[in-house]
PDB file of N, CA and C in Angstrom:
ATOM      1  N   MET A   1     116.769  93.673  81.612  1.00  0.00           N
ATOM      2  CA  MET A   1     117.430  93.070  81.876  1.00  0.00           C
ATOM      3  C   MET A   1     116.516  91.663  81.418  1.00  0.00           C
ATOM      4  N   HIS A   2     115.135  91.803  82.049  1.00  0.00           N
ATOM      5  CA  HIS A   2     114.116  90.529  82.279  1.00  0.00           C
ATOM      6  C   HIS A   2     112.484  90.944  81.264  1.00  0.00           C
ATOM      7  N   PRO A   3     112.667  91.497  80.467  1.00  0.00           N
ATOM      8  CA  PRO A   3     111.531  92.306  79.143  1.00  0.00           C
ATOM      9  C   PRO A   3     110.161  91.201  79.657  1.00  0.00           C
ATOM     10  N   THR A   4     110.218  90.319  80.010  1.00  0.00           N
ATOM     11  CA  THR A   4     109.058  89.584  79.884  1.00  0.00           C
ATOM     12  C   THR A   4     108.565  88.685  81.213  1.00  0.00           C
ATOM     13  N   VAL A   5     109.097  89.378  82.674  1.00  0.00           N
ATOM     14  CA  VAL A   5     108.882  88.982  83.586  1.00  0.00           C
ATOM     15  C   VAL A   5     107.933  90.356  84.293  1.00  0.00           C
ATOM     16  N   LEU A   6     106.639  90.154  84.290  1.00  0.00           N
ATOM     17  CA  LEU A   6     105.492  91.009  84.554  1.00  0.00           C
ATOM     18  C   LEU A   6     105.785  91.244  85.940  1.00  0.00           C
ATOM     19  N   ASP A   7     106.583  90.719  87.394  1.00  0.00           N
ATOM     20  CA  ASP A   7     106.627  91.180  88.274  1.00  0.00           C
ATOM     21  C   ASP A   7     107.539  92.591  88.614  1.00  0.00           C
ATOM     22  N   PHE A   8     108.651  92.638  87.965  1.00  0.00           N
ATOM     23  CA  PHE A   8     109.475  93.831  87.321  1.00  0.00           C
ATOM     24  C   PHE A   8     109.305  94.946  86.539  1.00  0.00           C
ATOM     25  N   TRP A   9     107.966  94.793  85.909  1.00  0.00           N
ATOM     26  CA  TRP A   9     107.094  95.450  85.336  1.00  0.00           C
ATOM     27  C   TRP A   9     106.031  95.988  86.657  1.00  0.00           C
ATOM     28  N   LEU A  10     105.289  95.882  87.169  1.00  0.00           N
ATOM     29  CA  LEU A  10     104.219  95.692  88.166  1.00  0.00           C
ATOM     30  C   LEU A  10     105.514  96.130  89.235  1.00  0.00           C
ATOM     31  N   ILE A  11     106.587  96.358  89.782  1.00  0.00           N
ATOM     32  CA  ILE A  11     107.602  97.130  90.706  1.00  0.00           C
ATOM     33  C   ILE A  11     107.162  98.448  90.165  1.00  0.00           C
ATOM     34  N   GLY A  12     108.059  98.977  88.306  1.00  0.00           N
ATOM     35  CA  GLY A  12     108.193 100.073  88.327  1.00  0.00           C
ATOM     36  C   GLY A  12     106.745 100.504  88.077  1.00  0.00           C
ATOM     37  N   VAL A  13     105.782 100.042  87.602  1.00  0.00           N
ATOM     38  CA  VAL A  13     104.753 100.551  87.504  1.00  0.00           C
ATOM     39  C   VAL A  13     103.778 101.606  88.894  1.00  0.00           C
ATOM     40  N   TYR A  14     103.932 100.627  89.934  1.00  0.00           N
ATOM     41  CA  TYR A  14     103.936 100.161  90.988  1.00  0.00           C
ATOM     42  C   TYR A  14     104.557 101.733  92.355  1.00  0.00           C
ATOM     43  N   THR A  15     106.039 101.514  92.119  1.00  0.00           N
ATOM     44  CA  THR A  15     106.871 102.698  92.399  1.00  0.00           C
ATOM     45  C   THR A  15     106.039 103.928  91.492  1.00  0.00           C
ATOM     46  N   GLU A  16     105.822 104.385  90.605  1.00  0.00           N
ATOM     47  CA  GLU A  16     105.516 105.430  90.237  1.00  0.00           C
ATOM     48  C   GLU A  16     104.024 106.185  90.670  1.00  0.00           C
ATOM     49  N   LEU A  17     103.250 104.704  90.819  1.00  0.00           N
ATOM     50  CA  LEU A  17     102.119 105.249  91.292  1.00  0.00           C
ATOM     51  C   LEU A  17     102.376 105.490  92.291  1.00  0.00           C
ATOM     52  N   ASP A  18     102.307 105.051  93.454  1.00  0.00           N
ATOM     53  CA  ASP A  18     102.040 104.651  94.850  1.00  0.00           C
ATOM     54  C   ASP A  18     103.296 105.739  95.313  1.00  0.00           C
ATOM     55  N   ILE A  19     104.138 105.837  95.192  1.00  0.00           N
ATOM     56  CA  ILE A  19     105.619 106.127  95.908  1.00  0.00           C
ATOM     57  C   ILE A  19     105.757 107.657  95.216  1.00  0.00           C
ATOM     58  N   LYS A  20     105.961 107.798  93.959  1.00  0.00           N
ATOM     59  CA  LYS A  20     106.044 108.888  93.093  1.00  0.00           C
ATOM     60  C   LYS A  20     105.031 109.427  92.979  1.00  0.00           C
ATOM     61  N   GLY A  21     103.522 108.885  93.219  1.00  0.00           N
ATOM     62  CA  GLY A  21     102.254 109.811  92.874  1.00  0.00           C
ATOM     63  C   GLY A  21     102.155 110.370  91.247  1.00  0.00           C
ATOM     64  N   ASN A  22     103.272 109.769  90.053  1.00  0.00           N
ATOM     65  CA  ASN A  22     103.007 110.159  89.146  1.00  0.00           C
ATOM     66  C   ASN A  22     101.848 108.885  88.421  1.00  0.00           C
ATOM     67  N   LEU A  23     100.525 109.193  88.156  1.00  0.00           N
ATOM     68  CA  LEU A  23      99.793 108.354  87.419  1.00  0.00           C
ATOM     69  C   LEU A  23     100.112 107.671  86.125  1.00  0.00           C
ATOM     70  N   PHE A  24     100.114 109.161  85.382  1.00  0.00           N
ATOM     71  CA  PHE A  24     100.161 109.071  83.513  1.00  0.00           C
ATOM     72  C   PHE A  24     101.919 108.149  83.862  1.00  0.00           C
ATOM     73  N   SER A  25     102.385 108.689  84.150  1.00  0.00           N
ATOM     74  CA  SER A  25     104.263 107.460  84.463  1.00  0.00           C
ATOM     75  C   SER A  25     103.935 106.154  84.294  1.00  0.00           C
ATOM     76  N   GLY A  26     103.219 106.052  85.463  1.00  0.00           N
ATOM     77  CA  GLY A  26     102.651 104.424  85.630  1.00  0.00           C
ATOM     78  C   GLY A  26     101.752 103.875  84.712  1.00  0.00           C
ATOM     79  N   ARG A  27     101.187 104.516  84.351  1.00  0.00           N
ATOM     80  CA  ARG A  27      99.881 104.152  82.650  1.00  0.00           C
ATOM     81  C   ARG A  27     101.164 103.530  81.860  1.00  0.00           C
ATOM     82  N   LYS A  28     101.949 104.771  81.166  1.00  0.00           N
ATOM     83  CA  LYS A  28     102.766 104.648  80.204  1.00  0.00           C
ATOM     84  C   LYS A  28     103.838 103.604  80.480  1.00  0.00           C
ATOM     85  N   LEU A  29     103.841 103.291  81.050  1.00  0.00           N
ATOM     86  CA  LEU A  29     105.297 102.124  82.071  1.00  0.00           C
ATOM     87  C   LEU A  29     104.297 100.736  81.311  1.00  0.00           C
ATOM     88  N   MET A  30     103.213 101.062  82.283  1.00  0.00           N
ATOM     89  CA  MET A  30     102.520  99.230  82.241  1.00  0.00           C
ATOM     90  C   MET A  30     102.113  98.826  80.428  1.00  0.00           C
ATOM     91  N   LEU A  31     101.785 100.045  79.943  1.00  0.00           N
ATOM     92  CA  LEU A  31     101.478 100.009  78.604  1.00  0.00           C
ATOM     93  C   LEU A  31     102.595  99.472  77.508  1.00  0.00           C
ATOM     94  N   GLN A  32     103.993  99.899  78.410  1.00  0.00           N
ATOM     95  CA  GLN A  32     105.033  99.756  77.265  1.00  0.00           C
ATOM     96  C   GLN A  32     105.214  97.927  77.845  1.00  0.00           C
ATOM     97  N   GLY A  33     105.334  97.659  78.747  1.00  0.00           N
ATOM     98  CA  GLY A  33     105.154  96.298  79.055  1.00  0.00           C
ATOM     99  C   GLY A  33     104.035  95.299  78.228  1.00  0.00           C
ATOM    100  N   ILE A  34     103.057  96.278  77.931  1.00  0.00           N
ATOM    101  CA  ILE A  34     101.899  95.213  77.254  1.00  0.00           C
ATOM    102  C   ILE A  34     102.204  94.903  75.871  1.00  0.00           C
ATOM    103  N   ARG A  35     102.940  96.141  75.342  1.00  0.00           N
ATOM    104  CA  ARG A  35     103.887  96.340  73.756  1.00  0.00           C
ATOM    105  C   ARG A  35     104.941  95.217  73.757  1.00  0.00           C
ATOM    106  N   ASN A  36     105.270  95.179  74.937  1.00  0.00           N
ATOM    107  CA  ASN A  36     106.812  94.014  75.074  1.00  0.00           C
ATOM    108  C   ASN A  36     106.153  92.761  75.060  1.00  0.00           C
ATOM    109  N   ASN A  37     105.300  92.468  75.560  1.00  0.00           N
ATOM    110  CA  ASN A  37     104.681  91.163  75.707  1.00  0.00           C
ATOM    111  C   ASN A  37     103.223  91.097  75.604  1.00  0.00           C
ATOM    112  N   PRO A  38     102.981  91.350  74.213  1.00  0.00           N
ATOM    113  CA  PRO A  38     101.486  91.212  73.869  1.00  0.00           C
ATOM    114  C   PRO A  38     100.581  89.665  73.351  1.00  0.00           C
ATOM    115  N   LEU A  39     101.737  88.672  74.044  1.00  0.00           N
ATOM    116  CA  LEU A  39     100.924  87.386  74.021  1.00  0.00           C
ATOM    117  C   LEU A  39     100.661  86.780  75.491  1.00  0.00           C
ATOM    118  N   ASN A  40     101.196  87.521  76.023  1.00  0.00           N
ATOM    119  CA  ASN A  40     101.017  87.240  77.757  1.00  0.00           C
ATOM    120  C   ASN A  40      99.960  87.590  78.447  1.00  0.00           C
ATOM    121  N   PRO A  41      98.813  87.075  78.803  1.00  0.00           N
ATOM    122  CA  PRO A  41      97.624  86.845  79.438  1.00  0.00           C
ATOM    123  C   PRO A  41      97.875  88.091  80.519  1.00  0.00           C
ATOM    124  N   GLN A  42      98.888  87.336  81.422  1.00  0.00           N
ATOM    125  CA  GLN A  42      98.847  88.185  82.894  1.00  0.00           C
ATOM    126  C   GLN A  42      98.850  89.839  82.941  1.00  0.00           C
ATOM    127  N   PHE A  43     100.012  90.254  81.565  1.00  0.00           N
ATOM    128  CA  PHE A  43     100.098  91.265  81.489  1.00  0.00           C
ATOM    129  C   PHE A  43      98.620  92.247  81.515  1.00  0.00           C
ATOM    130  N   TYR A  44      97.395  91.569  80.334  1.00  0.00           N
ATOM    131  CA  TYR A  44      96.592  92.457  80.230  1.00  0.00           C
ATOM    132  C   TYR A  44      95.277  92.351  81.782  1.00  0.00           C
ATOM    133  N   VAL A  45      95.508  91.363  82.720  1.00  0.00           N
ATOM    134  CA  VAL A  45      94.968  91.282  84.076  1.00  0.00           C
ATOM    135  C   VAL A  45      95.731  91.958  84.835  1.00  0.00           C
ATOM    136  N   GLU A  46      96.610  92.640  84.716  1.00  0.00           N
ATOM    137  CA  GLU A  46      97.254  93.576  85.320  1.00  0.00           C
ATOM    138  C   GLU A  46      97.260  94.398  85.077  1.00  0.00           C
ATOM    139  N   TYR A  47      97.004  95.123  83.574  1.00  0.00           N
ATOM    140  CA  TYR A  47      96.185  95.975  83.636  1.00  0.00           C
ATOM    141  C   TYR A  47      95.124  96.472  83.852  1.00  0.00           C
ATOM    142  N   PHE A  48      94.397  95.529  84.025  1.00  0.00           N
ATOM    143  CA  PHE A  48      93.525  96.148  83.763  1.00  0.00           C
ATOM    144  C   PHE A  48      93.016  96.001  85.606  1.00  0.00           C
ATOM    145  N   ARG A  49      94.179  95.955  86.558  1.00  0.00           N
ATOM    146  CA  ARG A  49      93.695  95.810  87.871  1.00  0.00           C
ATOM    147  C   ARG A  49      94.298  97.435  87.895  1.00  0.00           C
ATOM    148  N   PHE A  50      95.531  97.826  87.204  1.00  0.00           N
ATOM    149  CA  PHE A  50      96.157  98.997  87.445  1.00  0.00           C
ATOM    150  C   PHE A  50      95.073 100.184  86.922  1.00  0.00           C
ATOM    151  N   GLU A  51      94.317  99.960  85.793  1.00  0.00           N
ATOM    152  CA  GLU A  51      93.286 100.836  85.378  1.00  0.00           C
ATOM    153  C   GLU A  51      92.321 100.878  86.790  1.00  0.00           C
ATOM    154  N   VAL A  52      91.632 100.284  87.299  1.00  0.00           N
ATOM    155  CA  VAL A  52      90.994 100.618  88.515  1.00  0.00           C
ATOM    156  C   VAL A  52      91.253 100.991  89.329  1.00  0.00           C
ATOM    157  N   SER A  53      92.984 100.963  89.514  1.00  0.00           N
ATOM    158  CA  SER A  53      93.061 101.359  90.996  1.00  0.00           C
ATOM    159  C   SER A  53      93.772 103.082  90.345  1.00  0.00           C
ATOM    160  N   PHE A  54      94.579 103.309  88.816  1.00  0.00           N
ATOM    161  CA  PHE A  54      94.728 104.752  88.446  1.00  0.00           C
ATOM    162  C   PHE A  54      92.995 105.808  88.329  1.00  0.00           C
ATOM    163  N   TYR A  55      92.224 104.689  87.629  1.00  0.00           N
ATOM    164  CA  TYR A  55      90.578 105.344  88.137  1.00  0.00           C
ATOM    165  C   TYR A  55      90.347 105.870  89.701  1.00  0.00           C
ATOM    166  N   ASP A  56      90.414 104.899  90.958  1.00  0.00           N
ATOM    167  CA  ASP A  56      90.282 105.402  91.896  1.00  0.00           C
ATOM    168  C   ASP A  56      91.009 106.780  92.388  1.00  0.00           C
ATOM    169  N   LYS A  57      92.429 106.694  92.080  1.00  0.00           N
ATOM    170  CA  LYS A  57      93.230 107.783  92.039  1.00  0.00           C
ATOM    171  C   LYS A  57      92.537 109.157  91.366  1.00  0.00           C
ATOM    172  N   VAL A  58      92.441 109.105  90.463  1.00  0.00           N
ATOM    173  CA  VAL A  58      91.865 110.231  89.670  1.00  0.00           C
ATOM    174  C   VAL A  58      90.870 110.543  90.042  1.00  0.00           C
ATOM    175  N   CYS A  59      89.900 109.814  90.645  1.00  0.00           N
ATOM    176  CA  CYS A  59      88.333 110.070  91.461  1.00  0.00           C
ATOM    177  C   CYS A  59      88.048 110.734  92.676  1.00  0.00           C
ATOM    178  N   GLU A  60      89.319 110.228  93.612  1.00  0.00           N
ATOM    179  CA  GLU A  60      89.825 110.694  94.698  1.00  0.00           C
ATOM    180  C   GLU A  60      90.852 111.885  94.084  1.00  0.00           C
ATOM    181  N   ARG A  61      91.430 112.414  93.568  1.00  0.00           N
ATOM    182  CA  ARG A  61      92.215 113.762  93.566  1.00  0.00           C
ATOM    183  C   ARG A  61      91.010 114.954  93.075  1.00  0.00           C
ATOM    184  N   ILE A  62      89.734 114.693  92.020  1.00  0.00           N
ATOM    185  CA  ILE A  62      88.977 115.328  91.831  1.00  0.00           C
ATOM    186  C   ILE A  62      87.871 115.800  92.814  1.00  0.00           C
ATOM    187  N   SER A  63      87.698 114.533  93.462  1.00  0.00           N
ATOM    188  CA  SER A  63      86.718 115.159  94.527  1.00  0.00           C
ATOM    189  C   SER A  63      87.553 116.043  95.903  1.00  0.00           C
ATOM    190  N   ILE A  64      88.876 116.182  95.871  1.00  0.00           N
ATOM    191  CA  ILE A  64      89.820 116.459  97.019  1.00  0.00           C
ATOM    192  C   ILE A  64      89.462 117.976  96.184  1.00  0.00           C
ATOM    193  N   LEU A  65      89.665 118.507  94.960  1.00  0.00           N
ATOM    194  CA  LEU A  65      90.100 119.621  94.374  1.00  0.00           C
ATOM    195  C   LEU A  65      88.393 120.479  94.135  1.00  0.00           C
ATOM    196  N   ASN A  66      87.588 119.684  94.488  1.00  0.00           N
ATOM    197  CA  ASN A  66      85.641 119.684  94.138  1.00  0.00           C
ATOM    198  C   ASN A  66      86.045 120.457  95.643  1.00  0.00           C
ATOM    199  N   GLY A  67      86.634 120.295  96.409  1.00  0.00           N
ATOM    200  CA  GLY A  67      86.430 121.079  97.883  1.00  0.00           C
ATOM    201  C   GLY A  67      85.754 119.992  98.813  1.00  0.00           C
ATOM    202  N   ASP A  68      85.032 118.026  98.120  1.00  0.00           N
ATOM    203  CA  ASP A  68      84.221 117.493  99.217  1.00  0.00           C
ATOM    204  C   ASP A  68      84.760 117.436 100.316  1.00  0.00           C
ATOM    205  N   LYS A  69      83.654 117.541 101.212  1.00  0.00           N
ATOM    206  CA  LYS A  69      84.313 117.185 102.925  1.00  0.00           C
ATOM    207  C   LYS A  69      84.777 115.984 103.038  1.00  0.00           C
ATOM    208  N   GLU A  70      84.162 115.348 102.912  1.00  0.00           N
ATOM    209  CA  GLU A  70      84.367 113.471 103.491  1.00  0.00           C
ATOM    210  C   GLU A  70      85.921 112.830 102.834  1.00  0.00           C
ATOM    211  N   LYS A  71      85.945 113.672 101.389  1.00  0.00           N
ATOM    212  CA  LYS A  71      88.174 113.470 101.133  1.00  0.00           C
ATOM    213  C   LYS A  71      88.557 114.144 101.564  1.00  0.00           C
ATOM    214  N   LYS A  72      88.230 114.622 102.998  1.00  0.00           N
ATOM    215  CA  LYS A  72      89.318 116.688 102.656  1.00  0.00           C
ATOM    216  C   LYS A  72      90.833 115.521 103.111  1.00  0.00           C
ATOM    217  N   LEU A  73      91.897 115.935 103.006  1.00  0.00           N
ATOM    218  CA  LEU A  73      92.942 115.559 103.824  1.00  0.00           C
ATOM    219  C   LEU A  73      93.687 117.241 104.620  1.00  0.00           C
ATOM    220  N   ASP A  74      93.668 116.085 106.026  1.00  0.00           N
ATOM    221  CA  ASP A  74      94.145 117.060 107.214  1.00  0.00           C
ATOM    222  C   ASP A  74      95.821 116.875 107.141  1.00  0.00           C
ATOM    223  N   PHE A  75      96.496 118.223 106.703  1.00  0.00           N
ATOM    224  CA  PHE A  75      97.584 117.873 106.825  1.00  0.00           C
ATOM    225  C   PHE A  75      98.505 118.629 107.969  1.00  0.00           C
ATOM    226  N   ILE A  76      97.356 119.516 108.760  1.00  0.00           N
ATOM    227  CA  ILE A  76      98.052 119.412 109.839  1.00  0.00           C
ATOM    228  C   ILE A  76      97.065 118.745 111.407  1.00  0.00           C
ATOM    229  N   ASP A  77      97.993 118.888 112.386  1.00  0.00           N
ATOM    230  CA  ASP A  77      97.034 117.518 113.487  1.00  0.00           C
ATOM    231  C   ASP A  77      96.263 118.479 114.231  1.00  0.00           C
ATOM    232  N   GLU A  78      94.989 118.082 114.544  1.00  0.00           N
ATOM    233  CA  GLU A  78      94.160 119.220 115.268  1.00  0.00           C
ATOM    234  C   GLU A  78      94.389 118.496 116.589  1.00  0.00           C
ATOM    235  N   GLU A  79      95.064 117.516 117.090  1.00  0.00           N
ATOM    236  CA  GLU A  79      95.579 117.731 118.485  1.00  0.00           C
ATOM    237  C   GLU A  79      96.580 118.591 118.992  1.00  0.00           C
ATOM    238  N   ASP A  80      97.384 119.233 118.578  1.00  0.00           N
ATOM    239  CA  ASP A  80      98.624 120.113 118.953  1.00  0.00           C
ATOM    240  C   ASP A  80      98.242 121.333 119.313  1.00  0.00           C
TER     241      ASP A  80
END
């Protein structure tokens, strides 16, 4: 209903990224927002922030997949 409101786009983008864990869907949604609002510079600023966050998440995934000891996720509590 409000295709020019940046906050609504960001809610969708970060829902995909953080809650659903779908990096590429969030990126696609952010690019769609830019295509719909090419003259709004704030969309480009937020896209850059998103790309930095996207890069961090991809690097984190790569280090986990490579077996990096520092970034290893523990799914079982060691206290129990």
